[in-house]
Amino acid sequence: MQNNLSKLCNGILDIDEKIRFVGIIDEMGIAVDMKKGLPSLERDDGSIRLYLGYAINNVLRRDFDNVFGKVLYTFSEREKIKLLTIPMDDNLLLVSMDISSNHAELIEKILNTLPNLPR
């Protein structure tokens, strides 16, 4: 399973040079791929807290699935980075993009590469 997750991360990184980071939180931990040559914007201990926060928010959002339907993705734009999360069964896909990216276009491309997602 871990090999498939790594292939998925690499495939998403290859979509566009504006994609900085791709990670998947699964039951075994985090599979992570960072764009080669790019420095991380957060310290290692900050990364773990960030990922944990996204995982907790994803679980909390499930409480509203019966009323509003399942979350397709969440997106946030910060001063230095754009962040996308996509629930995938029991996993959570995390993607960070350069602030100058066309996020709507990238989100569509990423969603089109993922199998079995509701649309």
PDB file of N, CA and C in Angstrom:
ATOM      1  N   MET A   1       0.822  -1.200   0.000  1.00  0.00           N
ATOM      2  CA  MET A   1       0.000   0.000   0.000  1.00  0.00           C
ATOM      3  C   MET A   1       0.866   1.265   0.000  1.00  0.00           C
ATOM      4  N   GLN A   2       1.934   1.241   0.803  1.00  0.00           N
ATOM      5  CA  GLN A   2       2.794   2.415   0.917  1.00  0.00           C
ATOM      6  C   GLN A   2       3.409   2.783  -0.433  1.00  0.00           C
ATOM      7  N   ASN A   3       3.767   1.774  -1.238  1.00  0.00           N
ATOM      8  CA  ASN A   3       4.342   2.026  -2.552  1.00  0.00           C
ATOM      9  C   ASN A   3       3.331   2.729  -3.456  1.00  0.00           C
ATOM     10  N   ASN A   4       2.056   2.326  -3.395  1.00  0.00           N
ATOM     11  CA  ASN A   4       1.012   2.979  -4.185  1.00  0.00           C
ATOM     12  C   ASN A   4       0.823   4.429  -3.766  1.00  0.00           C
ATOM     13  N   LEU A   5       0.901   4.687  -2.470  1.00  0.00           N
ATOM     14  CA  LEU A   5       0.753   6.062  -1.980  1.00  0.00           C
ATOM     15  C   LEU A   5       1.916   6.926  -2.455  1.00  0.00           C
ATOM     16  N   SER A   6       3.108   6.377  -2.439  1.00  0.00           N
ATOM     17  CA  SER A   6       4.268   7.123  -2.910  1.00  0.00           C
ATOM     18  C   SER A   6       4.145   7.424  -4.408  1.00  0.00           C
ATOM     19  N   LYS A   7       3.665   6.464  -5.187  1.00  0.00           N
ATOM     20  CA  LYS A   7       3.447   6.688  -6.624  1.00  0.00           C
ATOM     21  C   LYS A   7       2.410   7.780  -6.843  1.00  0.00           C
ATOM     22  N   LEU A   8       1.347   7.761  -6.041  1.00  0.00           N
ATOM     23  CA  LEU A   8       0.316   8.788  -6.151  1.00  0.00           C
ATOM     24  C   LEU A   8       0.903  10.166  -5.854  1.00  0.00           C
ATOM     25  N   CYS A   9       1.686  10.263  -4.774  1.00  0.00           N
ATOM     26  CA  CYS A   9       2.315  11.542  -4.414  1.00  0.00           C
ATOM     27  C   CYS A   9       3.216  12.037  -5.539  1.00  0.00           C
ATOM     28  N   ASN A  10       4.045  11.158  -6.070  1.00  0.00           N
ATOM     29  CA  ASN A  10       4.946  11.552  -7.158  1.00  0.00           C
ATOM     30  C   ASN A  10       4.174  11.985  -8.393  1.00  0.00           C
ATOM     31  N   GLY A  11       3.078  11.276  -8.705  1.00  0.00           N
ATOM     32  CA  GLY A  11       2.258  11.637  -9.851  1.00  0.00           C
ATOM     33  C   GLY A  11       1.653  13.014  -9.712  1.00  0.00           C
ATOM     34  N   ILE A  12       1.216  13.351  -8.513  1.00  0.00           N
ATOM     35  CA  ILE A  12       0.633  14.680  -8.282  1.00  0.00           C
ATOM     36  C   ILE A  12       1.710  15.758  -8.342  1.00  0.00           C
ATOM     37  N   LEU A  13       2.895  15.470  -7.805  1.00  0.00           N
ATOM     38  CA  LEU A  13       3.996  16.435  -7.899  1.00  0.00           C
ATOM     39  C   LEU A  13       4.339  16.748  -9.351  1.00  0.00           C
ATOM     40  N   ASP A  14       4.191  15.755 -10.217  1.00  0.00           N
ATOM     41  CA  ASP A  14       4.529  15.939 -11.629  1.00  0.00           C
ATOM     42  C   ASP A  14       3.486  16.746 -12.411  1.00  0.00           C
ATOM     43  N   ILE A  15       2.332  17.007 -11.823  1.00  0.00           N
ATOM     44  CA  ILE A  15       1.266  17.740 -12.528  1.00  0.00           C
ATOM     45  C   ILE A  15       1.709  19.151 -12.890  1.00  0.00           C
ATOM     46  N   ASP A  16       2.397  19.814 -11.958  1.00  0.00           N
ATOM     47  CA  ASP A  16       2.752  21.220 -12.188  1.00  0.00           C
ATOM     48  C   ASP A  16       3.913  21.605 -11.286  1.00  0.00           C
ATOM     49  N   GLU A  17       4.785  22.477 -11.775  1.00  0.00           N
ATOM     50  CA  GLU A  17       5.933  22.918 -10.983  1.00  0.00           C
ATOM     51  C   GLU A  17       5.533  23.779  -9.792  1.00  0.00           C
ATOM     52  N   LYS A  18       4.308  24.280  -9.762  1.00  0.00           N
ATOM     53  CA  LYS A  18       3.834  25.110  -8.641  1.00  0.00           C
ATOM     54  C   LYS A  18       3.402  24.265  -7.433  1.00  0.00           C
ATOM     55  N   ILE A  19       3.302  22.942  -7.606  1.00  0.00           N
ATOM     56  CA  ILE A  19       2.986  22.056  -6.485  1.00  0.00           C
ATOM     57  C   ILE A  19       4.280  21.812  -5.725  1.00  0.00           C
ATOM     58  N   ARG A  20       4.282  22.192  -4.454  1.00  0.00           N
ATOM     59  CA  ARG A  20       5.492  22.133  -3.635  1.00  0.00           C
ATOM     60  C   ARG A  20       5.618  20.829  -2.864  1.00  0.00           C
ATOM     61  N   PHE A  21       4.496  20.333  -2.372  1.00  0.00           N
ATOM     62  CA  PHE A  21       4.508  19.231  -1.412  1.00  0.00           C
ATOM     63  C   PHE A  21       3.257  18.395  -1.607  1.00  0.00           C
ATOM     64  N   VAL A  22       3.393  17.083  -1.471  1.00  0.00           N
ATOM     65  CA  VAL A  22       2.244  16.186  -1.470  1.00  0.00           C
ATOM     66  C   VAL A  22       2.462  15.174  -0.350  1.00  0.00           C
ATOM     67  N   GLY A  23       1.450  14.970   0.459  1.00  0.00           N
ATOM     68  CA  GLY A  23       1.528  13.977   1.530  1.00  0.00           C
ATOM     69  C   GLY A  23       0.197  13.281   1.700  1.00  0.00           C
ATOM     70  N   ILE A  24       0.247  12.071   2.211  1.00  0.00           N
ATOM     71  CA  ILE A  24      -0.966  11.323   2.507  1.00  0.00           C
ATOM     72  C   ILE A  24      -0.883  10.843   3.938  1.00  0.00           C
ATOM     73  N   ILE A  25      -1.899  11.184   4.709  1.00  0.00           N
ATOM     74  CA  ILE A  25      -2.014  10.656   6.063  1.00  0.00           C
ATOM     75  C   ILE A  25      -2.857   9.400   5.958  1.00  0.00           C
ATOM     76  N   ASP A  26      -2.280   8.264   6.375  1.00  0.00           N
ATOM     77  CA  ASP A  26      -3.023   7.009   6.385  1.00  0.00           C
ATOM     78  C   ASP A  26      -2.904   6.372   7.761  1.00  0.00           C
ATOM     79  N   GLU A  27      -3.379   5.139   7.885  1.00  0.00           N
ATOM     80  CA  GLU A  27      -3.373   4.476   9.187  1.00  0.00           C
ATOM     81  C   GLU A  27      -1.951   4.156   9.662  1.00  0.00           C
ATOM     82  N   MET A  28      -0.982   4.187   8.750  1.00  0.00           N
ATOM     83  CA  MET A  28       0.396   3.873   9.107  1.00  0.00           C
ATOM     84  C   MET A  28       1.227   5.124   9.395  1.00  0.00           C
ATOM     85  N   GLY A  29       0.682   6.295   9.128  1.00  0.00           N
ATOM     86  CA  GLY A  29       1.425   7.526   9.353  1.00  0.00           C
ATOM     87  C   GLY A  29       1.293   8.456   8.176  1.00  0.00           C
ATOM     88  N   ILE A  30       2.415   9.002   7.715  1.00  0.00           N
ATOM     89  CA  ILE A  30       2.399  10.000   6.662  1.00  0.00           C
ATOM     90  C   ILE A  30       3.371   9.591   5.559  1.00  0.00           C
ATOM     91  N   ALA A  31       2.879   9.541   4.333  1.00  0.00           N
ATOM     92  CA  ALA A  31       3.745   9.384   3.162  1.00  0.00           C
ATOM     93  C   ALA A  31       3.927  10.783   2.599  1.00  0.00           C
ATOM     94  N   VAL A  32       5.156  11.218   2.429  1.00  0.00           N
ATOM     95  CA  VAL A  32       5.426  12.601   2.050  1.00  0.00           C
ATOM     96  C   VAL A  32       6.375  12.663   0.866  1.00  0.00           C
ATOM     97  N   ASP A  33       6.105  13.573  -0.049  1.00  0.00           N
ATOM     98  CA  ASP A  33       7.029  13.897  -1.127  1.00  0.00           C
ATOM     99  C   ASP A  33       7.085  15.404  -1.272  1.00  0.00           C
ATOM    100  N   MET A  34       8.291  15.950  -1.218  1.00  0.00           N
ATOM    101  CA  MET A  34       8.528  17.379  -1.375  1.00  0.00           C
ATOM    102  C   MET A  34       9.185  17.600  -2.721  1.00  0.00           C
ATOM    103  N   LYS A  35       8.810  18.657  -3.400  1.00  0.00           N
ATOM    104  CA  LYS A  35       9.446  19.002  -4.677  1.00  0.00           C
ATOM    105  C   LYS A  35      10.947  19.153  -4.452  1.00  0.00           C
ATOM    106  N   LYS A  36      11.739  18.490  -5.263  1.00  0.00           N
ATOM    107  CA  LYS A  36      13.195  18.529  -5.142  1.00  0.00           C
ATOM    108  C   LYS A  36      13.700  19.970  -5.284  1.00  0.00           C
ATOM    109  N   GLY A  37      14.604  20.351  -4.382  1.00  0.00           N
ATOM    110  CA  GLY A  37      15.234  21.664  -4.457  1.00  0.00           C
ATOM    111  C   GLY A  37      14.470  22.784  -3.777  1.00  0.00           C
ATOM    112  N   LEU A  38      13.289  22.490  -3.240  1.00  0.00           N
ATOM    113  CA  LEU A  38      12.517  23.540  -2.560  1.00  0.00           C
ATOM    114  C   LEU A  38      12.670  23.402  -1.052  1.00  0.00           C
ATOM    115  N   PRO A  39      12.937  24.494  -0.362  1.00  0.00           N
ATOM    116  CA  PRO A  39      13.013  24.418   1.091  1.00  0.00           C
ATOM    117  C   PRO A  39      11.610  24.350   1.693  1.00  0.00           C
ATOM    118  N   SER A  40      11.487  23.606   2.774  1.00  0.00           N
ATOM    119  CA  SER A  40      10.214  23.538   3.487  1.00  0.00           C
ATOM    120  C   SER A  40       9.958  24.877   4.173  1.00  0.00           C
ATOM    121  N   LEU A  41       8.708  25.293   4.217  1.00  0.00           N
ATOM    122  CA  LEU A  41       8.373  26.557   4.877  1.00  0.00           C
ATOM    123  C   LEU A  41       8.177  26.392   6.381  1.00  0.00           C
ATOM    124  N   GLU A  42       8.077  25.134   6.849  1.00  0.00           N
ATOM    125  CA  GLU A  42       7.888  24.933   8.275  1.00  0.00           C
ATOM    126  C   GLU A  42       8.989  24.029   8.830  1.00  0.00           C
ATOM    127  N   ARG A  43       9.215  24.141  10.124  1.00  0.00           N
ATOM    128  CA  ARG A  43      10.167  23.267  10.794  1.00  0.00           C
ATOM    129  C   ARG A  43       9.543  21.872  10.888  1.00  0.00           C
ATOM    130  N   ASP A  44      10.355  20.854  11.106  1.00  0.00           N
ATOM    131  CA  ASP A  44       9.853  19.479  11.169  1.00  0.00           C
ATOM    132  C   ASP A  44       8.776  19.302  12.230  1.00  0.00           C
ATOM    133  N   ASP A  45       8.961  19.865  13.422  1.00  0.00           N
ATOM    134  CA  ASP A  45       7.956  19.714  14.466  1.00  0.00           C
ATOM    135  C   ASP A  45       6.671  20.463  14.101  1.00  0.00           C
ATOM    136  N   GLY A  46       6.785  21.537  13.346  1.00  0.00           N
ATOM    137  CA  GLY A  46       5.606  22.260  12.885  1.00  0.00           C
ATOM    138  C   GLY A  46       4.832  21.460  11.858  1.00  0.00           C
ATOM    139  N   SER A  47       5.522  20.699  11.040  1.00  0.00           N
ATOM    140  CA  SER A  47       4.859  19.878  10.032  1.00  0.00           C
ATOM    141  C   SER A  47       3.936  18.865  10.684  1.00  0.00           C
ATOM    142  N   ILE A  48       4.403  18.190  11.706  1.00  0.00           N
ATOM    143  CA  ILE A  48       3.599  17.165  12.369  1.00  0.00           C
ATOM    144  C   ILE A  48       2.334  17.784  12.961  1.00  0.00           C
ATOM    145  N   ARG A  49       2.451  18.930  13.591  1.00  0.00           N
ATOM    146  CA  ARG A  49       1.266  19.602  14.164  1.00  0.00           C
ATOM    147  C   ARG A  49       0.302  20.025  13.064  1.00  0.00           C
ATOM    148  N   LEU A  50       0.838  20.523  11.954  1.00  0.00           N
ATOM    149  CA  LEU A  50       0.004  20.926  10.826  1.00  0.00           C
ATOM    150  C   LEU A  50      -0.779  19.735  10.288  1.00  0.00           C
ATOM    151  N   TYR A  51      -0.107  18.613  10.055  1.00  0.00           N
ATOM    152  CA  TYR A  51      -0.759  17.422   9.514  1.00  0.00           C
ATOM    153  C   TYR A  51      -1.804  16.880  10.486  1.00  0.00           C
ATOM    154  N   LEU A  52      -1.472  16.863  11.755  1.00  0.00           N
ATOM    155  CA  LEU A  52      -2.410  16.401  12.766  1.00  0.00           C
ATOM    156  C   LEU A  52      -3.655  17.280  12.788  1.00  0.00           C
ATOM    157  N   GLY A  53      -3.475  18.578  12.664  1.00  0.00           N
ATOM    158  CA  GLY A  53      -4.614  19.492  12.627  1.00  0.00           C
ATOM    159  C   GLY A  53      -5.532  19.216  11.453  1.00  0.00           C
ATOM    160  N   TYR A  54      -4.950  18.958  10.275  1.00  0.00           N
ATOM    161  CA  TYR A  54      -5.771  18.638   9.110  1.00  0.00           C
ATOM    162  C   TYR A  54      -6.522  17.329   9.312  1.00  0.00           C
ATOM    163  N   ALA A  55      -5.855  16.334   9.894  1.00  0.00           N
ATOM    164  CA  ALA A  55      -6.510  15.043  10.132  1.00  0.00           C
ATOM    165  C   ALA A  55      -7.678  15.196  11.110  1.00  0.00           C
ATOM    166  N   ILE A  56      -7.494  15.963  12.157  1.00  0.00           N
ATOM    167  CA  ILE A  56      -8.569  16.176  13.143  1.00  0.00           C
ATOM    168  C   ILE A  56      -9.731  16.921  12.499  1.00  0.00           C
ATOM    169  N   ASN A  57      -9.437  17.971  11.736  1.00  0.00           N
ATOM    170  CA  ASN A  57     -10.505  18.717  11.060  1.00  0.00           C
ATOM    171  C   ASN A  57     -11.274  17.835  10.091  1.00  0.00           C
ATOM    172  N   ASN A  58     -10.584  16.949   9.403  1.00  0.00           N
ATOM    173  CA  ASN A  58     -11.242  16.037   8.477  1.00  0.00           C
ATOM    174  C   ASN A  58     -12.227  15.127   9.205  1.00  0.00           C
ATOM    175  N   VAL A  59     -11.828  14.599  10.340  1.00  0.00           N
ATOM    176  CA  VAL A  59     -12.712  13.740  11.125  1.00  0.00           C
ATOM    177  C   VAL A  59     -13.921  14.527  11.638  1.00  0.00           C
ATOM    178  N   LEU A  60     -13.701  15.742  12.106  1.00  0.00           N
ATOM    179  CA  LEU A  60     -14.795  16.563  12.621  1.00  0.00           C
ATOM    180  C   LEU A  60     -15.800  16.924  11.534  1.00  0.00           C
ATOM    181  N   ARG A  61     -15.339  17.125  10.315  1.00  0.00           N
ATOM    182  CA  ARG A  61     -16.243  17.471   9.210  1.00  0.00           C
ATOM    183  C   ARG A  61     -17.183  16.329   8.855  1.00  0.00           C
ATOM    184  N   ARG A  62     -16.778  15.102   9.140  1.00  0.00           N
ATOM    185  CA  ARG A  62     -17.624  13.943   8.834  1.00  0.00           C
ATOM    186  C   ARG A  62     -18.950  13.982   9.586  1.00  0.00           C
ATOM    187  N   ASP A  63     -18.992  14.687  10.708  1.00  0.00           N
ATOM    188  CA  ASP A  63     -20.229  14.801  11.479  1.00  0.00           C
ATOM    189  C   ASP A  63     -21.348  15.438  10.666  1.00  0.00           C
ATOM    190  N   PHE A  64     -21.011  16.188   9.632  1.00  0.00           N
ATOM    191  CA  PHE A  64     -22.012  16.894   8.841  1.00  0.00           C
ATOM    192  C   PHE A  64     -22.285  16.232   7.490  1.00  0.00           C
ATOM    193  N   ASP A  65     -21.672  15.081   7.249  1.00  0.00           N
ATOM    194  CA  ASP A  65     -21.850  14.400   5.965  1.00  0.00           C
ATOM    195  C   ASP A  65     -23.307  14.044   5.690  1.00  0.00           C
ATOM    196  N   ASN A  66     -24.039  13.624   6.711  1.00  0.00           N
ATOM    197  CA  ASN A  66     -25.432  13.223   6.482  1.00  0.00           C
ATOM    198  C   ASN A  66     -26.324  14.415   6.152  1.00  0.00           C
ATOM    199  N   VAL A  67     -25.922  15.615   6.504  1.00  0.00           N
ATOM    200  CA  VAL A  67     -26.710  16.810   6.224  1.00  0.00           C
ATOM    201  C   VAL A  67     -26.275  17.475   4.919  1.00  0.00           C
ATOM    202  N   PHE A  68     -24.968  17.671   4.745  1.00  0.00           N
ATOM    203  CA  PHE A  68     -24.442  18.442   3.617  1.00  0.00           C
ATOM    204  C   PHE A  68     -23.789  17.590   2.535  1.00  0.00           C
ATOM    205  N   GLY A  69     -23.600  16.316   2.785  1.00  0.00           N
ATOM    206  CA  GLY A  69     -22.863  15.452   1.873  1.00  0.00           C
ATOM    207  C   GLY A  69     -21.397  15.417   2.269  1.00  0.00           C
ATOM    208  N   LYS A  70     -20.656  14.514   1.633  1.00  0.00           N
ATOM    209  CA  LYS A  70     -19.237  14.349   1.957  1.00  0.00           C
ATOM    210  C   LYS A  70     -18.420  15.538   1.460  1.00  0.00           C
ATOM    211  N   VAL A  71     -17.355  15.831   2.189  1.00  0.00           N
ATOM    212  CA  VAL A  71     -16.422  16.878   1.785  1.00  0.00           C
ATOM    213  C   VAL A  71     -15.650  16.371   0.570  1.00  0.00           C
ATOM    214  N   LEU A  72     -15.636  17.149  -0.494  1.00  0.00           N
ATOM    215  CA  LEU A  72     -14.875  16.791  -1.688  1.00  0.00           C
ATOM    216  C   LEU A  72     -13.422  17.228  -1.531  1.00  0.00           C
ATOM    217  N   TYR A  73     -13.224  18.429  -1.009  1.00  0.00           N
ATOM    218  CA  TYR A  73     -11.895  18.932  -0.683  1.00  0.00           C
ATOM    219  C   TYR A  73     -12.061  20.193   0.148  1.00  0.00           C
ATOM    220  N   THR A  74     -10.987  20.580   0.824  1.00  0.00           N
ATOM    221  CA  THR A  74     -10.937  21.873   1.497  1.00  0.00           C
ATOM    222  C   THR A  74      -9.689  22.597   0.987  1.00  0.00           C
ATOM    223  N   PHE A  75      -9.790  23.910   0.944  1.00  0.00           N
ATOM    224  CA  PHE A  75      -8.714  24.725   0.404  1.00  0.00           C
ATOM    225  C   PHE A  75      -8.533  25.940   1.297  1.00  0.00           C
ATOM    226  N   SER A  76      -7.288  26.271   1.559  1.00  0.00           N
ATOM    227  CA  SER A  76      -7.020  27.510   2.290  1.00  0.00           C
ATOM    228  C   SER A  76      -5.848  28.230   1.623  1.00  0.00           C
ATOM    229  N   GLU A  77      -5.956  29.543   1.618  1.00  0.00           N
ATOM    230  CA  GLU A  77      -4.898  30.374   1.058  1.00  0.00           C
ATOM    231  C   GLU A  77      -4.318  31.201   2.189  1.00  0.00           C
ATOM    232  N   ARG A  78      -3.023  31.071   2.371  1.00  0.00           N
ATOM    233  CA  ARG A  78      -2.311  31.820   3.400  1.00  0.00           C
ATOM    234  C   ARG A  78      -1.430  32.858   2.721  1.00  0.00           C
ATOM    235  N   GLU A  79      -0.737  33.642   3.489  1.00  0.00           N
ATOM    236  CA  GLU A  79       0.112  34.681   2.906  1.00  0.00           C
ATOM    237  C   GLU A  79       1.254  34.108   2.075  1.00  0.00           C
ATOM    238  N   LYS A  80       1.757  32.929   2.450  1.00  0.00           N
ATOM    239  CA  LYS A  80       2.933  32.376   1.781  1.00  0.00           C
ATOM    240  C   LYS A  80       2.673  31.088   1.009  1.00  0.00           C
ATOM    241  N   ILE A  81       1.497  30.498   1.168  1.00  0.00           N
ATOM    242  CA  ILE A  81       1.259  29.173   0.587  1.00  0.00           C
ATOM    243  C   ILE A  81      -0.240  28.929   0.411  1.00  0.00           C
ATOM    244  N   LYS A  82      -0.576  28.027  -0.502  1.00  0.00           N
ATOM    245  CA  LYS A  82      -1.953  27.565  -0.679  1.00  0.00           C
ATOM    246  C   LYS A  82      -1.980  26.091  -0.312  1.00  0.00           C
ATOM    247  N   LEU A  83      -3.001  25.680   0.443  1.00  0.00           N
ATOM    248  CA  LEU A  83      -3.078  24.325   0.954  1.00  0.00           C
ATOM    249  C   LEU A  83      -4.398  23.666   0.562  1.00  0.00           C
ATOM    250  N   LEU A  84      -4.298  22.438   0.090  1.00  0.00           N
ATOM    251  CA  LEU A  84      -5.454  21.654  -0.345  1.00  0.00           C
ATOM    252  C   LEU A  84      -5.474  20.341   0.418  1.00  0.00           C
ATOM    253  N   THR A  85      -6.633  19.940   0.911  1.00  0.00           N
ATOM    254  CA  THR A  85      -6.792  18.615   1.507  1.00  0.00           C
ATOM    255  C   THR A  85      -7.959  17.923   0.823  1.00  0.00           C
ATOM    256  N   ILE A  86      -7.772  16.630   0.542  1.00  0.00           N
ATOM    257  CA  ILE A  86      -8.798  15.837  -0.122  1.00  0.00           C
ATOM    258  C   ILE A  86      -8.954  14.529   0.641  1.00  0.00           C
ATOM    259  N   PRO A  87     -10.141  14.281   1.216  1.00  0.00           N
ATOM    260  CA  PRO A  87     -10.376  12.985   1.855  1.00  0.00           C
ATOM    261  C   PRO A  87     -10.425  11.878   0.806  1.00  0.00           C
ATOM    262  N   MET A  88      -9.747  10.774   1.082  1.00  0.00           N
ATOM    263  CA  MET A  88      -9.740   9.611   0.194  1.00  0.00           C
ATOM    264  C   MET A  88      -9.962   8.368   1.054  1.00  0.00           C
ATOM    265  N   ASP A  89     -11.208   7.913   1.162  1.00  0.00           N
ATOM    266  CA  ASP A  89     -11.553   6.796   2.043  1.00  0.00           C
ATOM    267  C   ASP A  89     -11.056   7.107   3.454  1.00  0.00           C
ATOM    268  N   ASP A  90     -10.135   6.278   3.971  1.00  0.00           N
ATOM    269  CA  ASP A  90      -9.613   6.498   5.320  1.00  0.00           C
ATOM    270  C   ASP A  90      -8.339   7.338   5.323  1.00  0.00           C
ATOM    271  N   ASN A  91      -7.933   7.826   4.161  1.00  0.00           N
ATOM    272  CA  ASN A  91      -6.710   8.624   4.031  1.00  0.00           C
ATOM    273  C   ASN A  91      -7.060  10.085   3.794  1.00  0.00           C
ATOM    274  N   LEU A  92      -6.071  10.926   3.963  1.00  0.00           N
ATOM    275  CA  LEU A  92      -6.231  12.348   3.695  1.00  0.00           C
ATOM    276  C   LEU A  92      -5.044  12.816   2.862  1.00  0.00           C
ATOM    277  N   LEU A  93      -5.333  13.315   1.664  1.00  0.00           N
ATOM    278  CA  LEU A  93      -4.303  13.831   0.766  1.00  0.00           C
ATOM    279  C   LEU A  93      -4.059  15.293   1.092  1.00  0.00           C
ATOM    280  N   LEU A  94      -2.787  15.666   1.256  1.00  0.00           N
ATOM    281  CA  LEU A  94      -2.392  17.047   1.536  1.00  0.00           C
ATOM    282  C   LEU A  94      -1.528  17.544   0.390  1.00  0.00           C
ATOM    283  N   VAL A  95      -1.849  18.723  -0.132  1.00  0.00           N
ATOM    284  CA  VAL A  95      -1.079  19.303  -1.229  1.00  0.00           C
ATOM    285  C   VAL A  95      -0.836  20.771  -0.916  1.00  0.00           C
ATOM    286  N   SER A  96       0.430  21.201  -1.016  1.00  0.00           N
ATOM    287  CA  SER A  96       0.701  22.630  -0.894  1.00  0.00           C
ATOM    288  C   SER A  96       1.151  23.149  -2.254  1.00  0.00           C
ATOM    289  N   MET A  97       0.765  24.382  -2.531  1.00  0.00           N
ATOM    290  CA  MET A  97       1.045  25.017  -3.817  1.00  0.00           C
ATOM    291  C   MET A  97       1.689  26.366  -3.584  1.00  0.00           C
ATOM    292  N   ASP A  98       2.478  26.771  -4.548  1.00  0.00           N
ATOM    293  CA  ASP A  98       3.073  28.092  -4.522  1.00  0.00           C
ATOM    294  C   ASP A  98       1.959  29.147  -4.515  1.00  0.00           C
ATOM    295  N   ILE A  99       2.187  30.230  -3.825  1.00  0.00           N
ATOM    296  CA  ILE A  99       1.177  31.284  -3.688  1.00  0.00           C
ATOM    297  C   ILE A  99       0.770  31.859  -5.045  1.00  0.00           C
ATOM    298  N   SER A 100       1.652  31.802  -6.035  1.00  0.00           N
ATOM    299  CA  SER A 100       1.340  32.352  -7.357  1.00  0.00           C
ATOM    300  C   SER A 100       0.610  31.366  -8.274  1.00  0.00           C
ATOM    301  N   SER A 101       0.308  30.182  -7.771  1.00  0.00           N
ATOM    302  CA  SER A 101      -0.317  29.157  -8.612  1.00  0.00           C
ATOM    303  C   SER A 101      -1.772  29.494  -8.932  1.00  0.00           C
ATOM    304  N   ASN A 102      -2.244  28.955 -10.040  1.00  0.00           N
ATOM    305  CA  ASN A 102      -3.658  29.009 -10.396  1.00  0.00           C
ATOM    306  C   ASN A 102      -4.311  27.822  -9.695  1.00  0.00           C
ATOM    307  N   HIS A 103      -4.736  28.023  -8.454  1.00  0.00           N
ATOM    308  CA  HIS A 103      -5.194  26.905  -7.639  1.00  0.00           C
ATOM    309  C   HIS A 103      -6.438  26.226  -8.188  1.00  0.00           C
ATOM    310  N   ALA A 104      -7.351  26.955  -8.791  1.00  0.00           N
ATOM    311  CA  ALA A 104      -8.559  26.336  -9.338  1.00  0.00           C
ATOM    312  C   ALA A 104      -8.197  25.325 -10.420  1.00  0.00           C
ATOM    313  N   GLU A 105      -7.269  25.704 -11.275  1.00  0.00           N
ATOM    314  CA  GLU A 105      -6.813  24.801 -12.338  1.00  0.00           C
ATOM    315  C   GLU A 105      -6.095  23.583 -11.755  1.00  0.00           C
ATOM    316  N   LEU A 106      -5.234  23.809 -10.772  1.00  0.00           N
ATOM    317  CA  LEU A 106      -4.502  22.703 -10.165  1.00  0.00           C
ATOM    318  C   LEU A 106      -5.428  21.763  -9.403  1.00  0.00           C
ATOM    319  N   ILE A 107      -6.394  22.309  -8.693  1.00  0.00           N
ATOM    320  CA  ILE A 107      -7.343  21.460  -7.964  1.00  0.00           C
ATOM    321  C   ILE A 107      -8.079  20.552  -8.938  1.00  0.00           C
ATOM    322  N   GLU A 108      -8.527  21.098 -10.044  1.00  0.00           N
ATOM    323  CA  GLU A 108      -9.233  20.298 -11.052  1.00  0.00           C
ATOM    324  C   GLU A 108      -8.334  19.193 -11.600  1.00  0.00           C
ATOM    325  N   LYS A 109      -7.089  19.520 -11.915  1.00  0.00           N
ATOM    326  CA  LYS A 109      -6.150  18.519 -12.421  1.00  0.00           C
ATOM    327  C   LYS A 109      -5.906  17.422 -11.391  1.00  0.00           C
ATOM    328  N   ILE A 110      -5.734  17.808 -10.138  1.00  0.00           N
ATOM    329  CA  ILE A 110      -5.490  16.828  -9.075  1.00  0.00           C
ATOM    330  C   ILE A 110      -6.702  15.931  -8.901  1.00  0.00           C
ATOM    331  N   LEU A 111      -7.894  16.512  -8.833  1.00  0.00           N
ATOM    332  CA  LEU A 111      -9.114  15.710  -8.679  1.00  0.00           C
ATOM    333  C   LEU A 111      -9.278  14.726  -9.829  1.00  0.00           C
ATOM    334  N   ASN A 112      -8.907  15.133 -11.034  1.00  0.00           N
ATOM    335  CA  ASN A 112      -9.043  14.255 -12.195  1.00  0.00           C
ATOM    336  C   ASN A 112      -8.062  13.085 -12.180  1.00  0.00           C
ATOM    337  N   THR A 113      -6.992  13.186 -11.381  1.00  0.00           N
ATOM    338  CA  THR A 113      -6.036  12.080 -11.300  1.00  0.00           C
ATOM    339  C   THR A 113      -6.400  11.064 -10.229  1.00  0.00           C
ATOM    340  N   LEU A 114      -7.345  11.400  -9.367  1.00  0.00           N
ATOM    341  CA  LEU A 114      -7.677  10.530  -8.250  1.00  0.00           C
ATOM    342  C   LEU A 114      -8.856   9.610  -8.597  1.00  0.00           C
ATOM    343  N   PRO A 115      -8.664   8.328  -8.456  1.00  0.00           N
ATOM    344  CA  PRO A 115      -9.744   7.378  -8.759  1.00  0.00           C
ATOM    345  C   PRO A 115     -10.810   7.352  -7.667  1.00  0.00           C
ATOM    346  N   ASN A 116     -12.019   7.056  -8.064  1.00  0.00           N
ATOM    347  CA  ASN A 116     -13.122   6.761  -7.136  1.00  0.00           C
ATOM    348  C   ASN A 116     -13.496   7.877  -6.185  1.00  0.00           C
ATOM    349  N   LEU A 117     -13.306   9.109  -6.578  1.00  0.00           N
ATOM    350  CA  LEU A 117     -13.758  10.220  -5.725  1.00  0.00           C
ATOM    351  C   LEU A 117     -15.135  10.662  -6.183  1.00  0.00           C
ATOM    352  N   PRO A 118     -16.040  10.961  -5.233  1.00  0.00           N
ATOM    353  CA  PRO A 118     -17.353  11.488  -5.652  1.00  0.00           C
ATOM    354  C   PRO A 118     -17.196  12.862  -6.253  1.00  0.00           C
ATOM    355  N   ARG A 119     -17.973  13.143  -7.274  1.00  0.00           N
ATOM    356  CA  ARG A 119     -17.922  14.466  -7.905  1.00  0.00           C
ATOM    357  C   ARG A 119     -19.306  15.040  -7.963  1.00  0.00           C
TER     358      ARG A 119
END
